């Protein structure tokens, strides 16, 4: 939240580097859709109170990701899809949500 855009980009690149080197699972919580898409393999959208799974978006962008990728048509398309889901406020990928719920 309090980081300027350039510092945020550097931090996101560092988080990606750490993840790629360690292979550890990271759960990253953000309200920044672009940041979520840049860092994630899946973006999970929650409903407003109470927070429940509303939609899961697979992010099939190659790694390592670069800041230049954030200007690509594919990246921008993903941003628009996620934002549209948030604005609708309704489940979109109910099969994926059900699958996650079945996993316990």
PDB file of N, CA and C in Angstrom:
ATOM      1  N   UNK A   1       0.779  -1.189   0.000  1.00  0.00           N
ATOM      2  CA  UNK A   1       0.000   0.000   0.000  1.00  0.00           C
ATOM      3  C   UNK A   1       0.828   1.264   0.000  1.00  0.00           C
ATOM      4  N   UNK A   2       1.829   1.361   0.893  1.00  0.00           N
ATOM      5  CA  UNK A   2       2.571   2.608   1.047  1.00  0.00           C
ATOM      6  C   UNK A   2       3.795   2.683   0.142  1.00  0.00           C
ATOM      7  N   UNK A   3       4.004   1.697  -0.714  1.00  0.00           N
ATOM      8  CA  UNK A   3       5.162   1.709  -1.605  1.00  0.00           C
ATOM      9  C   UNK A   3       4.861   2.494  -2.874  1.00  0.00           C
ATOM     10  N   UNK A   4       5.879   3.214  -3.370  1.00  0.00           N
ATOM     11  CA  UNK A   4       5.704   3.857  -4.668  1.00  0.00           C
ATOM     12  C   UNK A   4       5.763   2.776  -5.750  1.00  0.00           C
ATOM     13  N   UNK A   5       5.332   3.108  -6.955  1.00  0.00           N
ATOM     14  CA  UNK A   5       5.194   2.121  -8.034  1.00  0.00           C
ATOM     15  C   UNK A   5       6.517   1.428  -8.356  1.00  0.00           C
ATOM     16  N   UNK A   6       7.610   2.166  -8.396  1.00  0.00           N
ATOM     17  CA  UNK A   6       8.902   1.567  -8.741  1.00  0.00           C
ATOM     18  C   UNK A   6       9.377   0.600  -7.663  1.00  0.00           C
ATOM     19  N   UNK A   7       9.209   0.983  -6.405  1.00  0.00           N
ATOM     20  CA  UNK A   7       9.601   0.100  -5.306  1.00  0.00           C
ATOM     21  C   UNK A   7       8.722  -1.139  -5.286  1.00  0.00           C
ATOM     22  N   UNK A   8       7.422  -0.980  -5.552  1.00  0.00           N
ATOM     23  CA  UNK A   8       6.514  -2.126  -5.594  1.00  0.00           C
ATOM     24  C   UNK A   8       6.942  -3.102  -6.692  1.00  0.00           C
ATOM     25  N   UNK A   9       7.291  -2.582  -7.859  1.00  0.00           N
ATOM     26  CA  UNK A   9       7.761  -3.453  -8.945  1.00  0.00           C
ATOM     27  C   UNK A   9       9.006  -4.228  -8.519  1.00  0.00           C
ATOM     28  N   UNK A  10       9.948  -3.552  -7.890  1.00  0.00           N
ATOM     29  CA  UNK A  10      11.173  -4.213  -7.427  1.00  0.00           C
ATOM     30  C   UNK A  10      10.858  -5.281  -6.381  1.00  0.00           C
ATOM     31  N   UNK A  11       9.944  -4.978  -5.469  1.00  0.00           N
ATOM     32  CA  UNK A  11       9.552  -5.957  -4.450  1.00  0.00           C
ATOM     33  C   UNK A  11       8.883  -7.172  -5.084  1.00  0.00           C
ATOM     34  N   UNK A  12       8.025  -6.937  -6.078  1.00  0.00           N
ATOM     35  CA  UNK A  12       7.359  -8.050  -6.754  1.00  0.00           C
ATOM     36  C   UNK A  12       8.363  -8.930  -7.488  1.00  0.00           C
ATOM     37  N   UNK A  13       9.361  -8.317  -8.119  1.00  0.00           N
ATOM     38  CA  UNK A  13      10.411  -9.098  -8.783  1.00  0.00           C
ATOM     39  C   UNK A  13      11.200  -9.907  -7.754  1.00  0.00           C
ATOM     40  N   UNK A  14      11.459  -9.322  -6.585  1.00  0.00           N
ATOM     41  CA  UNK A  14      12.173 -10.031  -5.527  1.00  0.00           C
ATOM     42  C   UNK A  14      11.341 -11.192  -4.979  1.00  0.00           C
ATOM     43  N   UNK A  15      10.055 -10.972  -4.765  1.00  0.00           N
ATOM     44  CA  UNK A  15       9.175 -12.055  -4.301  1.00  0.00           C
ATOM     45  C   UNK A  15       9.167 -13.193  -5.312  1.00  0.00           C
ATOM     46  N   UNK A  16       9.067 -12.852  -6.598  1.00  0.00           N
ATOM     47  CA  UNK A  16       9.085 -13.876  -7.644  1.00  0.00           C
ATOM     48  C   UNK A  16      10.404 -14.652  -7.621  1.00  0.00           C
ATOM     49  N   UNK A  17      11.518 -13.952  -7.470  1.00  0.00           N
ATOM     50  CA  UNK A  17      12.840 -14.592  -7.435  1.00  0.00           C
ATOM     51  C   UNK A  17      12.936 -15.561  -6.259  1.00  0.00           C
ATOM     52  N   UNK A  18      12.510 -15.120  -5.082  1.00  0.00           N
ATOM     53  CA  UNK A  18      12.538 -15.982  -3.895  1.00  0.00           C
ATOM     54  C   UNK A  18      11.672 -17.211  -4.120  1.00  0.00           C
ATOM     55  N   UNK A  19      10.476 -17.013  -4.681  1.00  0.00           N
ATOM     56  CA  UNK A  19       9.575 -18.137  -4.933  1.00  0.00           C
ATOM     57  C   UNK A  19      10.204 -19.129  -5.909  1.00  0.00           C
ATOM     58  N   UNK A  20      10.803 -18.609  -6.992  1.00  0.00           N
ATOM     59  CA  UNK A  20      11.395 -19.494  -7.995  1.00  0.00           C
ATOM     60  C   UNK A  20      12.598 -20.256  -7.431  1.00  0.00           C
ATOM     61  N   UNK A  21      13.347 -19.635  -6.530  1.00  0.00           N
ATOM     62  CA  UNK A  21      14.516 -20.290  -5.941  1.00  0.00           C
ATOM     63  C   UNK A  21      14.138 -21.321  -4.889  1.00  0.00           C
ATOM     64  N   UNK A  22      13.080 -21.066  -4.139  1.00  0.00           N
ATOM     65  CA  UNK A  22      12.721 -21.962  -3.034  1.00  0.00           C
ATOM     66  C   UNK A  22      11.658 -22.984  -3.394  1.00  0.00           C
ATOM     67  N   UNK A  23      10.775 -22.634  -4.333  1.00  0.00           N
ATOM     68  CA  UNK A  23       9.679 -23.534  -4.685  1.00  0.00           C
ATOM     69  C   UNK A  23       8.625 -23.651  -3.596  1.00  0.00           C
ATOM     70  N   UNK A  24       8.671 -22.781  -2.610  1.00  0.00           N
ATOM     71  CA  UNK A  24       7.702 -22.812  -1.510  1.00  0.00           C
ATOM     72  C   UNK A  24       6.364 -22.229  -1.946  1.00  0.00           C
ATOM     73  N   UNK A  25       5.303 -22.679  -1.302  1.00  0.00           N
ATOM     74  CA  UNK A  25       3.981 -22.120  -1.547  1.00  0.00           C
ATOM     75  C   UNK A  25       3.879 -20.769  -0.855  1.00  0.00           C
ATOM     76  N   UNK A  26       3.357 -19.788  -1.588  1.00  0.00           N
ATOM     77  CA  UNK A  26       3.161 -18.451  -1.030  1.00  0.00           C
ATOM     78  C   UNK A  26       1.702 -18.069  -1.213  1.00  0.00           C
ATOM     79  N   UNK A  27       1.076 -17.625  -0.148  1.00  0.00           N
ATOM     80  CA  UNK A  27      -0.262 -17.048  -0.243  1.00  0.00           C
ATOM     81  C   UNK A  27      -0.073 -15.546  -0.089  1.00  0.00           C
ATOM     82  N   UNK A  28      -0.397 -14.823  -1.136  1.00  0.00           N
ATOM     83  CA  UNK A  28      -0.174 -13.383  -1.176  1.00  0.00           C
ATOM     84  C   UNK A  28      -1.528 -12.702  -1.224  1.00  0.00           C
ATOM     85  N   UNK A  29      -1.801 -11.844  -0.271  1.00  0.00           N
ATOM     86  CA  UNK A  29      -3.083 -11.146  -0.197  1.00  0.00           C
ATOM     87  C   UNK A  29      -2.870  -9.705  -0.639  1.00  0.00           C
ATOM     88  N   UNK A  30      -3.649  -9.270  -1.629  1.00  0.00           N
ATOM     89  CA  UNK A  30      -3.531  -7.913  -2.135  1.00  0.00           C
ATOM     90  C   UNK A  30      -4.867  -7.448  -2.693  1.00  0.00           C
ATOM     91  N   UNK A  31      -5.058  -6.151  -2.731  1.00  0.00           N
ATOM     92  CA  UNK A  31      -6.216  -5.571  -3.408  1.00  0.00           C
ATOM     93  C   UNK A  31      -5.826  -5.065  -4.792  1.00  0.00           C
ATOM     94  N   UNK A  32      -4.559  -5.219  -5.160  1.00  0.00           N
ATOM     95  CA  UNK A  32      -4.042  -4.740  -6.434  1.00  0.00           C
ATOM     96  C   UNK A  32      -4.114  -5.876  -7.451  1.00  0.00           C
ATOM     97  N   UNK A  33      -5.040  -5.783  -8.397  1.00  0.00           N
ATOM     98  CA  UNK A  33      -5.281  -6.861  -9.365  1.00  0.00           C
ATOM     99  C   UNK A  33      -4.046  -7.119 -10.213  1.00  0.00           C
ATOM    100  N   UNK A  34      -3.390  -6.081 -10.678  1.00  0.00           N
ATOM    101  CA  UNK A  34      -2.192  -6.242 -11.502  1.00  0.00           C
ATOM    102  C   UNK A  34      -1.092  -6.978 -10.736  1.00  0.00           C
ATOM    103  N   UNK A  35      -0.902  -6.617  -9.488  1.00  0.00           N
ATOM    104  CA  UNK A  35       0.090  -7.269  -8.636  1.00  0.00           C
ATOM    105  C   UNK A  35      -0.252  -8.750  -8.447  1.00  0.00           C
ATOM    106  N   UNK A  36      -1.523  -9.046  -8.221  1.00  0.00           N
ATOM    107  CA  UNK A  36      -1.958 -10.431  -8.046  1.00  0.00           C
ATOM    108  C   UNK A  36      -1.661 -11.256  -9.291  1.00  0.00           C
ATOM    109  N   UNK A  37      -1.977 -10.716 -10.452  1.00  0.00           N
ATOM    110  CA  UNK A  37      -1.745 -11.440 -11.705  1.00  0.00           C
ATOM    111  C   UNK A  37      -0.251 -11.624 -11.945  1.00  0.00           C
ATOM    112  N   UNK A  38       0.539 -10.612 -11.642  1.00  0.00           N
ATOM    113  CA  UNK A  38       1.983 -10.693 -11.846  1.00  0.00           C
ATOM    114  C   UNK A  38       2.601 -11.801 -10.995  1.00  0.00           C
ATOM    115  N   UNK A  39       2.168 -11.923  -9.745  1.00  0.00           N
ATOM    116  CA  UNK A  39       2.797 -12.851  -8.812  1.00  0.00           C
ATOM    117  C   UNK A  39       2.194 -14.253  -8.815  1.00  0.00           C
ATOM    118  N   UNK A  40       0.949 -14.394  -9.213  1.00  0.00           N
ATOM    119  CA  UNK A  40       0.215 -15.634  -8.940  1.00  0.00           C
ATOM    120  C   UNK A  40       0.197 -16.631 -10.090  1.00  0.00           C
ATOM    121  N   UNK A  41      -0.017 -17.887  -9.713  1.00  0.00           N
ATOM    122  CA  UNK A  41      -0.393 -18.927 -10.671  1.00  0.00           C
ATOM    123  C   UNK A  41      -1.909 -19.041 -10.728  1.00  0.00           C
ATOM    124  N   UNK A  42      -2.552 -18.621  -9.631  1.00  0.00           N
ATOM    125  CA  UNK A  42      -4.019 -18.553  -9.558  1.00  0.00           C
ATOM    126  C   UNK A  42      -4.386 -17.316  -8.766  1.00  0.00           C
ATOM    127  N   UNK A  43      -5.395 -16.596  -9.251  1.00  0.00           N
ATOM    128  CA  UNK A  43      -5.935 -15.457  -8.507  1.00  0.00           C
ATOM    129  C   UNK A  43      -7.303 -15.876  -7.989  1.00  0.00           C
ATOM    130  N   UNK A  44      -7.489 -15.750  -6.694  1.00  0.00           N
ATOM    131  CA  UNK A  44      -8.745 -16.119  -6.052  1.00  0.00           C
ATOM    132  C   UNK A  44      -9.459 -14.835  -5.644  1.00  0.00           C
ATOM    133  N   UNK A  45     -10.676 -14.664  -6.138  1.00  0.00           N
ATOM    134  CA  UNK A  45     -11.497 -13.505  -5.787  1.00  0.00           C
ATOM    135  C   UNK A  45     -12.476 -13.942  -4.709  1.00  0.00           C
ATOM    136  N   UNK A  46     -12.549 -13.161  -3.647  1.00  0.00           N
ATOM    137  CA  UNK A  46     -13.465 -13.454  -2.550  1.00  0.00           C
ATOM    138  C   UNK A  46     -14.676 -12.537  -2.613  1.00  0.00           C
ATOM    139  N   UNK A  47     -15.779 -13.001  -2.028  1.00  0.00           N
ATOM    140  CA  UNK A  47     -16.981 -12.175  -1.925  1.00  0.00           C
ATOM    141  C   UNK A  47     -16.801 -11.181  -0.782  1.00  0.00           C
ATOM    142  N   UNK A  48     -17.586 -10.091  -0.808  1.00  0.00           N
ATOM    143  CA  UNK A  48     -17.588  -9.211   0.372  1.00  0.00           C
ATOM    144  C   UNK A  48     -18.162  -9.976   1.564  1.00  0.00           C
ATOM    145  N   UNK A  49     -18.058  -9.421   2.700  1.00  0.00           N
ATOM    146  CA  UNK A  49     -18.488 -10.029   3.966  1.00  0.00           C
ATOM    147  C   UNK A  49     -19.705 -10.931   3.837  1.00  0.00           C
ATOM    148  N   UNK A  50     -19.632 -12.149   4.275  1.00  0.00           N
ATOM    149  CA  UNK A  50     -18.411 -12.819   4.708  1.00  0.00           C
ATOM    150  C   UNK A  50     -17.577 -13.243   3.493  1.00  0.00           C
ATOM    151  N   UNK A  51     -16.284 -13.247   3.641  1.00  0.00           N
ATOM    152  CA  UNK A  51     -15.392 -13.595   2.536  1.00  0.00           C
ATOM    153  C   UNK A  51     -15.497 -15.066   2.167  1.00  0.00           C
ATOM    154  N   UNK A  52     -16.023 -15.320   0.978  1.00  0.00           N
ATOM    155  CA  UNK A  52     -16.136 -16.688   0.447  1.00  0.00           C
ATOM    156  C   UNK A  52     -15.560 -16.689  -0.957  1.00  0.00           C
ATOM    157  N   UNK A  53     -15.168 -17.871  -1.413  1.00  0.00           N
ATOM    158  CA  UNK A  53     -14.640 -17.980  -2.770  1.00  0.00           C
ATOM    159  C   UNK A  53     -15.703 -17.588  -3.785  1.00  0.00           C
ATOM    160  N   UNK A  54     -15.350 -16.674  -4.669  1.00  0.00           N
ATOM    161  CA  UNK A  54     -16.270 -16.251  -5.721  1.00  0.00           C
ATOM    162  C   UNK A  54     -15.787 -16.719  -7.082  1.00  0.00           C
ATOM    163  N   UNK A  55     -14.482 -16.678  -7.313  1.00  0.00           N
ATOM    164  CA  UNK A  55     -13.956 -17.020  -8.630  1.00  0.00           C
ATOM    165  C   UNK A  55     -12.466 -17.332  -8.508  1.00  0.00           C
ATOM    166  N   UNK A  56     -12.019 -18.295  -9.303  1.00  0.00           N
ATOM    167  CA  UNK A  56     -10.596 -18.628  -9.373  1.00  0.00           C
ATOM    168  C   UNK A  56     -10.148 -18.450 -10.816  1.00  0.00           C
ATOM    169  N   UNK A  57      -9.118 -17.654 -11.010  1.00  0.00           N
ATOM    170  CA  UNK A  57      -8.569 -17.401 -12.342  1.00  0.00           C
ATOM    171  C   UNK A  57      -7.197 -18.058 -12.456  1.00  0.00           C
ATOM    172  N   UNK A  58      -7.031 -19.026 -13.353  1.00  0.00           N
ATOM    173  CA  UNK A  58      -5.682 -19.552 -13.589  1.00  0.00           C
ATOM    174  C   UNK A  58      -4.865 -18.500 -14.345  1.00  0.00           C
ATOM    175  N   UNK A  59      -3.620 -18.332 -13.968  1.00  0.00           N
ATOM    176  CA  UNK A  59      -2.735 -17.368 -14.618  1.00  0.00           C
ATOM    177  C   UNK A  59      -1.651 -18.162 -15.345  1.00  0.00           C
ATOM    178  N   UNK A  60      -1.793 -18.245 -16.653  1.00  0.00           N
ATOM    179  CA  UNK A  60      -0.893 -19.067 -17.460  1.00  0.00           C
ATOM    180  C   UNK A  60       0.144 -18.224 -18.195  1.00  0.00           C
ATOM    181  N   UNK A  61       0.779 -17.322 -17.483  1.00  0.00           N
ATOM    182  CA  UNK A  61       1.839 -16.507 -18.068  1.00  0.00           C
ATOM    183  C   UNK A  61       3.183 -17.172 -17.774  1.00  0.00           C
ATOM    184  N   UNK A  62       4.110 -17.111 -18.730  1.00  0.00           N
ATOM    185  CA  UNK A  62       5.410 -17.757 -18.505  1.00  0.00           C
ATOM    186  C   UNK A  62       6.205 -17.070 -17.396  1.00  0.00           C
ATOM    187  N   UNK A  63       7.095 -17.832 -16.792  1.00  0.00           N
ATOM    188  CA  UNK A  63       8.015 -17.304 -15.782  1.00  0.00           C
ATOM    189  C   UNK A  63       9.435 -17.462 -16.296  1.00  0.00           C
ATOM    190  N   UNK A  64      10.328 -16.592 -15.890  1.00  0.00           N
ATOM    191  CA  UNK A  64      10.108 -15.468 -15.002  1.00  0.00           C
ATOM    192  C   UNK A  64       9.313 -14.369 -15.699  1.00  0.00           C
ATOM    193  N   UNK A  65       8.471 -13.718 -14.927  1.00  0.00           N
ATOM    194  CA  UNK A  65       7.673 -12.613 -15.452  1.00  0.00           C
ATOM    195  C   UNK A  65       8.471 -11.318 -15.348  1.00  0.00           C
ATOM    196  N   UNK A  66       8.225 -10.448 -16.315  1.00  0.00           N
ATOM    197  CA  UNK A  66       8.929  -9.166 -16.341  1.00  0.00           C
ATOM    198  C   UNK A  66       7.914  -8.035 -16.220  1.00  0.00           C
ATOM    199  N   UNK A  67       8.397  -6.879 -15.829  1.00  0.00           N
ATOM    200  CA  UNK A  67       7.520  -5.712 -15.720  1.00  0.00           C
ATOM    201  C   UNK A  67       6.938  -5.379 -17.093  1.00  0.00           C
ATOM    202  N   UNK A  68       7.714  -5.565 -18.154  1.00  0.00           N
ATOM    203  CA  UNK A  68       7.213  -5.290 -19.512  1.00  0.00           C
ATOM    204  C   UNK A  68       5.980  -6.126 -19.850  1.00  0.00           C
ATOM    205  N   UNK A  69       5.870  -7.321 -19.266  1.00  0.00           N
ATOM    206  CA  UNK A  69       4.706  -8.178 -19.526  1.00  0.00           C
ATOM    207  C   UNK A  69       3.407  -7.531 -19.065  1.00  0.00           C
ATOM    208  N   UNK A  70       3.488  -6.629 -18.109  1.00  0.00           N
ATOM    209  CA  UNK A  70       2.270  -6.012 -17.574  1.00  0.00           C
ATOM    210  C   UNK A  70       1.594  -5.098 -18.587  1.00  0.00           C
ATOM    211  N   UNK A  71       2.283  -4.810 -19.688  1.00  0.00           N
ATOM    212  CA  UNK A  71       1.716  -3.974 -20.751  1.00  0.00           C
ATOM    213  C   UNK A  71       1.197  -4.804 -21.924  1.00  0.00           C
ATOM    214  N   UNK A  72       1.316  -6.120 -21.840  1.00  0.00           N
ATOM    215  CA  UNK A  72       0.913  -6.991 -22.950  1.00  0.00           C
ATOM    216  C   UNK A  72      -0.608  -7.110 -23.020  1.00  0.00           C
ATOM    217  N   UNK A  73      -1.148  -7.369 -24.213  1.00  0.00           N
ATOM    218  CA  UNK A  73      -2.603  -7.544 -24.353  1.00  0.00           C
ATOM    219  C   UNK A  73      -3.149  -8.664 -23.466  1.00  0.00           C
ATOM    220  N   UNK A  74      -2.402  -9.764 -23.327  1.00  0.00           N
ATOM    221  CA  UNK A  74      -2.860 -10.891 -22.505  1.00  0.00           C
ATOM    222  C   UNK A  74      -2.965 -10.488 -21.034  1.00  0.00           C
ATOM    223  N   UNK A  75      -1.978  -9.770 -20.542  1.00  0.00           N
ATOM    224  CA  UNK A  75      -1.981  -9.327 -19.150  1.00  0.00           C
ATOM    225  C   UNK A  75      -3.140  -8.372 -18.895  1.00  0.00           C
ATOM    226  N   UNK A  76      -3.328  -7.437 -19.794  1.00  0.00           N
ATOM    227  CA  UNK A  76      -4.420  -6.463 -19.658  1.00  0.00           C
ATOM    228  C   UNK A  76      -5.777  -7.154 -19.735  1.00  0.00           C
ATOM    229  N   UNK A  77      -5.898  -8.172 -20.600  1.00  0.00           N
ATOM    230  CA  UNK A  77      -7.143  -8.943 -20.691  1.00  0.00           C
ATOM    231  C   UNK A  77      -7.454  -9.604 -19.345  1.00  0.00           C
ATOM    232  N   UNK A  78      -6.424 -10.175 -18.718  1.00  0.00           N
ATOM    233  CA  UNK A  78      -6.622 -10.822 -17.417  1.00  0.00           C
ATOM    234  C   UNK A  78      -7.060  -9.811 -16.357  1.00  0.00           C
ATOM    235  N   UNK A  79      -6.457  -8.637 -16.365  1.00  0.00           N
ATOM    236  CA  UNK A  79      -6.861  -7.589 -15.416  1.00  0.00           C
ATOM    237  C   UNK A  79      -8.340  -7.266 -15.592  1.00  0.00           C
ATOM    238  N   UNK A  80      -8.757  -7.086 -16.831  1.00  0.00           N
ATOM    239  CA  UNK A  80     -10.156  -6.742 -17.102  1.00  0.00           C
ATOM    240  C   UNK A  80     -11.099  -7.859 -16.669  1.00  0.00           C
ATOM    241  N   UNK A  81     -10.711  -9.126 -16.881  1.00  0.00           N
ATOM    242  CA  UNK A  81     -11.550 -10.260 -16.461  1.00  0.00           C
ATOM    243  C   UNK A  81     -11.714 -10.297 -14.943  1.00  0.00           C
ATOM    244  N   UNK A  82     -10.608 -10.144 -14.228  1.00  0.00           N
ATOM    245  CA  UNK A  82     -10.675 -10.193 -12.766  1.00  0.00           C
ATOM    246  C   UNK A  82     -11.497  -9.024 -12.232  1.00  0.00           C
ATOM    247  N   UNK A  83     -11.247  -7.830 -12.761  1.00  0.00           N
ATOM    248  CA  UNK A  83     -12.006  -6.659 -12.301  1.00  0.00           C
ATOM    249  C   UNK A  83     -13.493  -6.798 -12.605  1.00  0.00           C
ATOM    250  N   UNK A  84     -13.839  -7.359 -13.760  1.00  0.00           N
ATOM    251  CA  UNK A  84     -15.251  -7.568 -14.096  1.00  0.00           C
ATOM    252  C   UNK A  84     -15.895  -8.532 -13.109  1.00  0.00           C
ATOM    253  N   UNK A  85     -15.169  -9.578 -12.724  1.00  0.00           N
ATOM    254  CA  UNK A  85     -15.688 -10.532 -11.746  1.00  0.00           C
ATOM    255  C   UNK A  85     -15.930  -9.851 -10.400  1.00  0.00           C
ATOM    256  N   UNK A  86     -15.010  -9.003 -10.004  1.00  0.00           N
ATOM    257  CA  UNK A  86     -15.155  -8.288  -8.732  1.00  0.00           C
ATOM    258  C   UNK A  86     -16.359  -7.355  -8.788  1.00  0.00           C
ATOM    259  N   UNK A  87     -16.511  -6.640  -9.892  1.00  0.00           N
ATOM    260  CA  UNK A  87     -17.629  -5.703 -10.032  1.00  0.00           C
ATOM    261  C   UNK A  87     -18.972  -6.425 -10.070  1.00  0.00           C
ATOM    262  N   UNK A  88     -19.006  -7.607 -10.703  1.00  0.00           N
ATOM    263  CA  UNK A  88     -20.246  -8.394 -10.736  1.00  0.00           C
ATOM    264  C   UNK A  88     -20.575  -8.918  -9.351  1.00  0.00           C
ATOM    265  N   UNK A  89     -19.529  -9.279  -8.624  1.00  0.00           N
ATOM    266  CA  UNK A  89     -19.724  -9.793  -7.276  1.00  0.00           C
ATOM    267  C   UNK A  89     -20.393 -11.144  -7.229  1.00  0.00           C
ATOM    268  N   UNK A  90     -20.326 -11.880  -8.330  1.00  0.00           N
ATOM    269  CA  UNK A  90     -20.983 -13.186  -8.356  1.00  0.00           C
ATOM    270  C   UNK A  90     -19.991 -14.256  -8.764  1.00  0.00           C
ATOM    271  N   UNK A  91     -20.233 -15.502  -8.345  1.00  0.00           N
ATOM    272  CA  UNK A  91     -19.352 -16.590  -8.746  1.00  0.00           C
ATOM    273  C   UNK A  91     -19.318 -16.730 -10.261  1.00  0.00           C
ATOM    274  N   UNK A  92     -18.134 -16.887 -10.800  1.00  0.00           N
ATOM    275  CA  UNK A  92     -18.010 -17.054 -12.238  1.00  0.00           C
ATOM    276  C   UNK A  92     -17.545 -18.446 -12.604  1.00  0.00           C
ATOM    277  N   UNK A  93     -16.551 -18.965 -11.906  1.00  0.00           N
ATOM    278  CA  UNK A  93     -15.997 -20.265 -12.211  1.00  0.00           C
ATOM    279  C   UNK A  93     -16.417 -21.226 -11.106  1.00  0.00           C
ATOM    280  N   UNK A  94     -17.699 -21.527 -11.053  1.00  0.00           N
ATOM    281  CA  UNK A  94     -18.240 -22.307  -9.939  1.00  0.00           C
ATOM    282  C   UNK A  94     -17.658 -23.709  -9.877  1.00  0.00           C
ATOM    283  N   UNK A  95     -17.282 -24.291 -11.015  1.00  0.00           N
ATOM    284  CA  UNK A  95     -16.682 -25.627 -11.006  1.00  0.00           C
ATOM    285  C   UNK A  95     -15.337 -25.593 -10.289  1.00  0.00           C
ATOM    286  N   UNK A  96     -14.525 -24.576 -10.563  1.00  0.00           N
ATOM    287  CA  UNK A  96     -13.226 -24.453  -9.900  1.00  0.00           C
ATOM    288  C   UNK A  96     -13.404 -24.181  -8.420  1.00  0.00           C
ATOM    289  N   UNK A  97     -14.365 -23.348  -8.069  1.00  0.00           N
ATOM    290  CA  UNK A  97     -14.639 -23.054  -6.665  1.00  0.00           C
ATOM    291  C   UNK A  97     -15.080 -24.323  -5.953  1.00  0.00           C
ATOM    292  N   UNK A  98     -15.975 -25.094  -6.560  1.00  0.00           N
ATOM    293  CA  UNK A  98     -16.448 -26.344  -5.965  1.00  0.00           C
ATOM    294  C   UNK A  98     -15.292 -27.319  -5.782  1.00  0.00           C
ATOM    295  N   UNK A  99     -14.385 -27.375  -6.759  1.00  0.00           N
ATOM    296  CA  UNK A  99     -13.237 -28.264  -6.674  1.00  0.00           C
ATOM    297  C   UNK A  99     -12.352 -27.895  -5.487  1.00  0.00           C
ATOM    298  N   UNK A 100     -12.102 -26.618  -5.280  1.00  0.00           N
ATOM    299  CA  UNK A 100     -11.297 -26.177  -4.142  1.00  0.00           C
ATOM    300  C   UNK A 100     -12.013 -26.504  -2.844  1.00  0.00           C
ATOM    301  N   UNK A 101     -13.317 -26.288  -2.804  1.00  0.00           N
ATOM    302  CA  UNK A 101     -14.086 -26.575  -1.594  1.00  0.00           C
ATOM    303  C   UNK A 101     -14.035 -28.067  -1.265  1.00  0.00           C
ATOM    304  N   UNK A 102     -14.034 -28.933  -2.288  1.00  0.00           N
ATOM    305  CA  UNK A 102     -13.969 -30.372  -2.069  1.00  0.00           C
ATOM    306  C   UNK A 102     -12.628 -30.810  -1.491  1.00  0.00           C
ATOM    307  N   UNK A 103     -11.594 -30.001  -1.705  1.00  0.00           N
ATOM    308  CA  UNK A 103     -10.260 -30.345  -1.225  1.00  0.00           C
ATOM    309  C   UNK A 103     -10.149 -30.194   0.286  1.00  0.00           C
ATOM    310  N   UNK A 104     -11.178 -29.595   0.896  1.00  0.00           N
ATOM    311  CA  UNK A 104     -11.218 -29.499   2.342  1.00  0.00           C
ATOM    312  C   UNK A 104     -10.519 -28.312   2.834  1.00  0.00           C
TER     313      UNK A 104
END
